């Protein structure tokens, strides 16, 4: 999925997103699993907020995204912040990287934007392939309760002097899926320009994700909710589910 013109205003709209919580969860997971991590591959890096933060923490980070517009924003920000990140334009469901990494991450709904079951499994397989033996794969997804009970059928809107939008979340035919129909009005000089975006999201039961991960060969070390370091989740009550997975070592 390409964000198009959305990339131009993405950071302004997402300024309240708790990116640092993902960084904290990542570092806490590294400590709790006692896996040595120097290199991290960020799958679906977007405008680079998490990649850049991790790079500034001392990790060697590569950020992958399908959107050239998002990566252009990410590259500009990394230069401005003196953060060394390699940016790669690829579709993560058909990932092909020349090296392996100590860890792969995929946060902030990225997996939910892959709505085809086979492509989700392909993404997990590529993540498995690109991680070194013993390495970690961390990702999050929206819960069934969040998609079905909060997003589906809702309308959201906001009005500021510079940007206004209206956002329709329509239920789709597939289980636990929504279509996002967004219209933006962005101020340019004394006028407002309109543009539209259409995105889809889908989630699956935790048991389905676990089965796919295990079939590929991952050990699922922990399933958490809403950035908690304690294992445990409620698919109806929690908004976001986190998975901590490990690729077996060559001896296993």
Protein backbone atom coordinates (compact mmCIF):
# COMPACT_ATOMS: atom_id res chain seq x y z
CA UNK A 1 0.00 0.00 0.00
CA UNK A 2 1.34 3.42 -0.96
CA UNK A 3 0.40 6.47 1.09
CA UNK A 4 0.67 8.98 -1.77
CA UNK A 5 0.16 12.57 -0.67
CA UNK A 6 -0.68 11.37 2.84
CA UNK A 7 3.09 11.20 3.44
CA UNK A 8 3.28 15.00 3.27
CA UNK A 9 1.06 15.45 6.33
CA UNK A 10 1.48 12.09 8.07
CA UNK A 11 3.73 13.30 10.89
CA UNK A 12 1.52 16.26 11.69
CA UNK A 13 -1.53 14.02 11.98
CA UNK A 14 0.37 11.43 14.03
CA UNK A 15 2.14 13.77 16.42
CA UNK A 16 0.40 12.22 19.46
CA UNK A 17 1.29 8.62 18.56
CA UNK A 18 3.46 7.12 21.36
CA UNK A 19 6.42 6.07 19.22
CA UNK A 20 8.74 5.99 22.21
CA UNK A 21 6.57 3.27 23.76
CA UNK A 22 7.46 0.96 20.85
CA UNK A 23 11.15 1.72 21.39
CA UNK A 24 10.82 1.00 25.10
CA UNK A 25 8.96 -2.26 24.39
CA UNK A 26 11.68 -3.28 21.93
CA UNK A 27 14.53 -2.62 24.34
CA UNK A 28 12.73 -4.31 27.24
CA UNK A 29 12.10 -7.38 25.07
CA UNK A 30 15.77 -7.54 24.11
CA UNK A 31 16.75 -7.44 27.78
CA UNK A 32 14.15 -10.00 28.89
CA UNK A 33 15.08 -12.51 26.16
CA UNK A 34 18.82 -11.91 26.66
CA UNK A 35 19.37 -11.96 22.91
CA UNK A 36 22.30 -9.93 21.66
CA UNK A 37 20.98 -7.36 19.21
CA UNK A 38 23.09 -4.95 17.18
CA UNK A 39 21.23 -4.86 13.84
CA UNK A 40 17.48 -4.23 13.42
CA UNK A 41 15.31 -4.40 10.32
CA UNK A 42 12.18 -2.22 10.58
CA UNK A 43 9.48 -3.63 8.30
CA UNK A 44 7.04 -0.90 7.30
CA UNK A 45 9.16 1.96 8.59
CA UNK A 46 6.90 4.73 7.30
CA UNK A 47 8.34 8.17 7.99
CA UNK A 48 11.02 6.60 10.17
CA UNK A 49 10.00 7.65 13.66
CA UNK A 50 10.80 4.29 15.28
CA UNK A 51 13.81 3.53 13.07
CA UNK A 52 15.41 6.87 13.85
CA UNK A 53 14.82 6.52 17.59
CA UNK A 54 16.39 3.05 17.61
CA UNK A 55 19.37 4.28 15.57
CA UNK A 56 19.93 7.06 18.12
CA UNK A 57 19.96 4.35 20.81
CA UNK A 58 22.97 2.82 19.07
CA UNK A 59 21.47 0.06 16.92
CA UNK A 60 22.34 -0.46 13.26
CA UNK A 61 18.94 0.06 11.66
CA UNK A 62 17.57 -0.57 8.19
CA UNK A 63 14.08 0.74 7.46
CA UNK A 64 11.97 -0.85 4.72
CA UNK A 65 8.79 0.60 3.26
CA UNK A 66 6.82 0.33 0.03
CA UNK A 67 6.07 4.06 -0.17
CA UNK A 68 8.77 6.13 -1.82
CA UNK A 69 7.08 9.28 -0.47
CA UNK A 70 7.23 8.04 3.12
CA UNK A 71 10.88 7.04 2.74
CA UNK A 72 11.74 10.48 1.36
CA UNK A 73 10.33 12.04 4.54
CA UNK A 74 12.18 9.47 6.67
CA UNK A 75 15.48 10.13 4.92
CA UNK A 76 15.15 13.89 5.37
CA UNK A 77 14.41 13.48 9.07
CA UNK A 78 17.30 11.10 9.65
CA UNK A 79 19.70 13.57 8.04
CA UNK A 80 18.30 16.45 10.10
CA UNK A 81 18.66 14.40 13.30
CA UNK A 82 22.09 13.01 12.42
CA UNK A 83 20.78 9.44 12.70
CA UNK A 84 22.37 6.81 10.50
CA UNK A 85 19.62 4.65 8.97
CA UNK A 86 19.63 2.74 5.68
CA UNK A 87 16.33 3.18 3.84
CA UNK A 88 15.11 0.50 1.41
CA UNK A 89 12.04 0.58 -0.85
CA UNK A 90 10.48 -2.89 -0.89
CA UNK A 91 7.19 -4.67 -0.37
CA UNK A 92 7.62 -6.56 2.90
CA UNK A 93 5.39 -9.40 1.66
CA UNK A 94 7.99 -10.12 -1.04
CA UNK A 95 11.06 -9.06 0.92
CA UNK A 96 14.50 -9.84 -0.50
CA UNK A 97 17.42 -8.58 1.59
CA UNK A 98 21.08 -9.48 0.97
CA UNK A 99 22.02 -9.87 4.65
CA UNK A 100 20.50 -11.17 7.88
CA UNK A 101 19.71 -9.17 11.00
CA UNK A 102 19.67 -9.81 14.75
CA UNK A 103 16.08 -8.60 14.94
CA UNK A 104 13.15 -7.65 12.74
CA UNK A 105 10.29 -5.46 13.94
CA UNK A 106 6.97 -4.42 12.41
CA UNK A 107 4.92 -1.97 14.43
CA UNK A 108 2.06 0.50 14.33
CA UNK A 109 -0.54 -1.60 12.42
CA UNK A 110 1.78 -2.50 9.53
CA UNK A 111 0.76 -6.17 9.51
CA UNK A 112 -2.93 -5.13 9.56
CA UNK A 113 -2.49 -3.38 6.22
CA UNK A 114 -1.65 -6.75 4.66
CA UNK A 115 -5.19 -8.03 4.25
CA UNK A 116 -4.57 -11.23 2.28
CA UNK A 117 -3.96 -14.31 4.44
CA UNK A 118 -1.31 -15.73 2.14
CA UNK A 119 0.58 -12.43 2.02
CA UNK A 120 0.62 -12.21 5.82
CA UNK A 121 2.14 -15.68 5.95
CA UNK A 122 4.64 -14.71 3.24
CA UNK A 123 5.64 -11.68 5.29
CA UNK A 124 6.23 -13.88 8.33
CA UNK A 125 8.27 -16.28 6.20
CA UNK A 126 10.43 -13.47 4.83
CA UNK A 127 10.92 -12.13 8.36
CA UNK A 128 12.05 -15.61 9.41
CA UNK A 129 14.46 -15.81 6.46
CA UNK A 130 16.05 -12.43 7.12
CA UNK A 131 16.69 -13.02 10.84
CA UNK A 132 19.84 -14.72 12.06
CA UNK A 133 19.41 -18.03 13.93
CA UNK A 134 18.44 -17.16 17.50
CA UNK A 135 17.24 -13.70 16.43
CA UNK A 136 13.97 -11.99 17.34
CA UNK A 137 10.86 -10.93 15.45
CA UNK A 138 8.59 -8.44 17.22
CA UNK A 139 5.35 -7.11 15.77
CA UNK A 140 1.94 -5.86 16.79
CA UNK A 141 -1.59 -6.02 15.38
CA UNK A 142 -4.95 -4.52 16.21
CA UNK A 143 -7.13 -6.83 18.25
CA UNK A 144 -10.40 -8.26 16.97
CA UNK A 145 -12.21 -6.16 19.55
CA UNK A 146 -10.58 -2.96 18.33
CA UNK A 147 -11.37 -3.59 14.66
CA UNK A 148 -14.92 -4.88 15.20
CA UNK A 149 -15.96 -2.88 18.22
CA UNK A 150 -14.19 0.44 17.83
CA UNK A 151 -13.23 1.12 14.20
CA UNK A 152 -15.96 -0.62 12.21
CA UNK A 153 -18.79 1.72 11.25
CA UNK A 154 -17.25 4.79 12.88
CA UNK A 155 -16.62 8.25 11.47
CA UNK A 156 -13.78 10.46 12.71
CA UNK A 157 -13.00 14.05 11.86
CA UNK A 158 -10.76 16.94 12.83
CA UNK A 159 -10.53 20.59 11.84
CA UNK A 160 -7.50 22.86 12.25
CA UNK A 161 -6.37 26.00 10.47
CA UNK A 162 -3.92 24.02 8.33
CA UNK A 163 -5.45 20.54 7.89
CA UNK A 164 -8.96 19.13 8.13
CA UNK A 165 -10.13 15.60 7.45
CA UNK A 166 -13.11 13.29 7.60
CA UNK A 167 -12.50 9.57 7.99
CA UNK A 168 -15.08 6.85 7.37
CA UNK A 169 -14.40 3.32 8.64
CA UNK A 170 -16.66 0.93 6.78
CA UNK A 171 -17.02 -2.76 7.55
CA UNK A 172 -15.80 -5.00 4.75
CA UNK A 173 -16.99 -8.43 3.70
CA UNK A 174 -14.03 -10.30 5.22
CA UNK A 175 -14.13 -10.98 8.96
CA UNK A 176 -12.43 -8.39 11.18
CA UNK A 177 -11.68 -5.97 8.34
CA UNK A 178 -12.41 -2.30 7.65
CA UNK A 179 -12.04 0.10 4.76
CA UNK A 180 -10.70 3.57 5.55
CA UNK A 181 -12.12 6.25 3.26
CA UNK A 182 -10.32 9.52 4.05
CA UNK A 183 -10.76 13.01 2.64
CA UNK A 184 -8.23 15.72 3.48
CA UNK A 185 -8.27 19.49 3.04
CA UNK A 186 -4.79 20.97 3.29
CA UNK A 187 -4.16 24.70 3.31
CA UNK A 188 -2.03 26.06 0.49
CA UNK A 189 -1.65 29.81 0.42
CA UNK A 190 -5.19 31.18 0.87
CA UNK A 191 -6.97 28.08 -0.41
CA UNK A 192 -7.47 24.47 0.68
CA UNK A 193 -6.56 21.57 -1.58
CA UNK A 194 -8.54 18.36 -1.33
CA UNK A 195 -7.16 14.86 -1.77
CA UNK A 196 -8.51 11.42 -0.94
CA UNK A 197 -6.98 8.20 0.37
CA UNK A 198 -8.46 4.72 0.56
CA UNK A 199 -6.87 2.09 2.83
CA UNK A 200 -7.90 -1.32 4.13
CA UNK A 201 -7.02 -3.08 7.37
CA UNK A 202 -7.67 -6.60 8.58
CA UNK A 203 -6.77 -8.60 11.64
CA UNK A 204 -7.02 -12.26 12.62
CA UNK A 205 -7.48 -14.18 15.88
CA UNK A 206 -4.35 -14.52 17.99
CA UNK A 207 -4.57 -18.30 17.59
CA UNK A 208 -4.35 -17.89 13.81
CA UNK A 209 -1.24 -15.72 14.02
CA UNK A 210 0.37 -18.21 16.40
CA UNK A 211 -0.38 -21.13 14.10
CA UNK A 212 1.13 -19.32 11.11
CA UNK A 213 4.24 -18.34 13.06
CA UNK A 214 4.79 -21.84 14.40
CA UNK A 215 4.24 -23.44 11.00
CA UNK A 216 7.01 -21.23 9.62
CA UNK A 217 9.33 -22.24 12.45
CA UNK A 218 9.19 -19.41 14.98
CA UNK A 219 9.06 -19.97 18.72
CA UNK A 220 6.40 -17.62 20.15
CA UNK A 221 8.05 -16.46 23.37
CA UNK A 222 5.34 -14.08 24.54
CA UNK A 223 2.06 -12.41 23.63
CA UNK A 224 1.40 -9.05 25.26
CA UNK A 225 -1.17 -6.28 25.09
CA UNK A 226 -1.00 -2.50 24.81
CA UNK A 227 2.78 -2.16 25.40
CA UNK A 228 2.66 -4.16 28.65
CA UNK A 229 5.80 -6.05 29.61
CA UNK A 230 3.64 -8.66 31.29
CA UNK A 231 2.42 -11.55 29.16
CA UNK A 232 -1.33 -11.82 28.66
CA UNK A 233 -4.02 -10.35 26.46
CA UNK A 234 -7.77 -10.05 25.93
CA UNK A 235 -8.76 -9.99 22.27
CA UNK A 236 -11.99 -8.15 23.03
CA UNK A 237 -10.81 -5.64 25.63
CA UNK A 238 -7.24 -4.80 24.61
CA UNK A 239 -6.58 -2.58 21.58
CA UNK A 240 -3.19 -3.82 20.43
CA UNK A 241 -1.57 -7.27 20.65
CA UNK A 242 2.22 -7.70 20.63
CA UNK A 243 4.08 -10.86 19.65
CA UNK A 244 7.64 -11.72 20.68
CA UNK A 245 9.02 -14.47 18.45
CA UNK A 246 12.40 -16.12 18.08
CA UNK A 247 13.98 -17.98 15.21
CA UNK A 248 15.52 -21.22 16.51
CA UNK A 249 19.25 -21.54 16.65
CA UNK A 250 20.94 -23.88 14.20
CA UNK A 251 21.38 -26.45 17.00
CA UNK A 252 17.61 -26.66 17.65
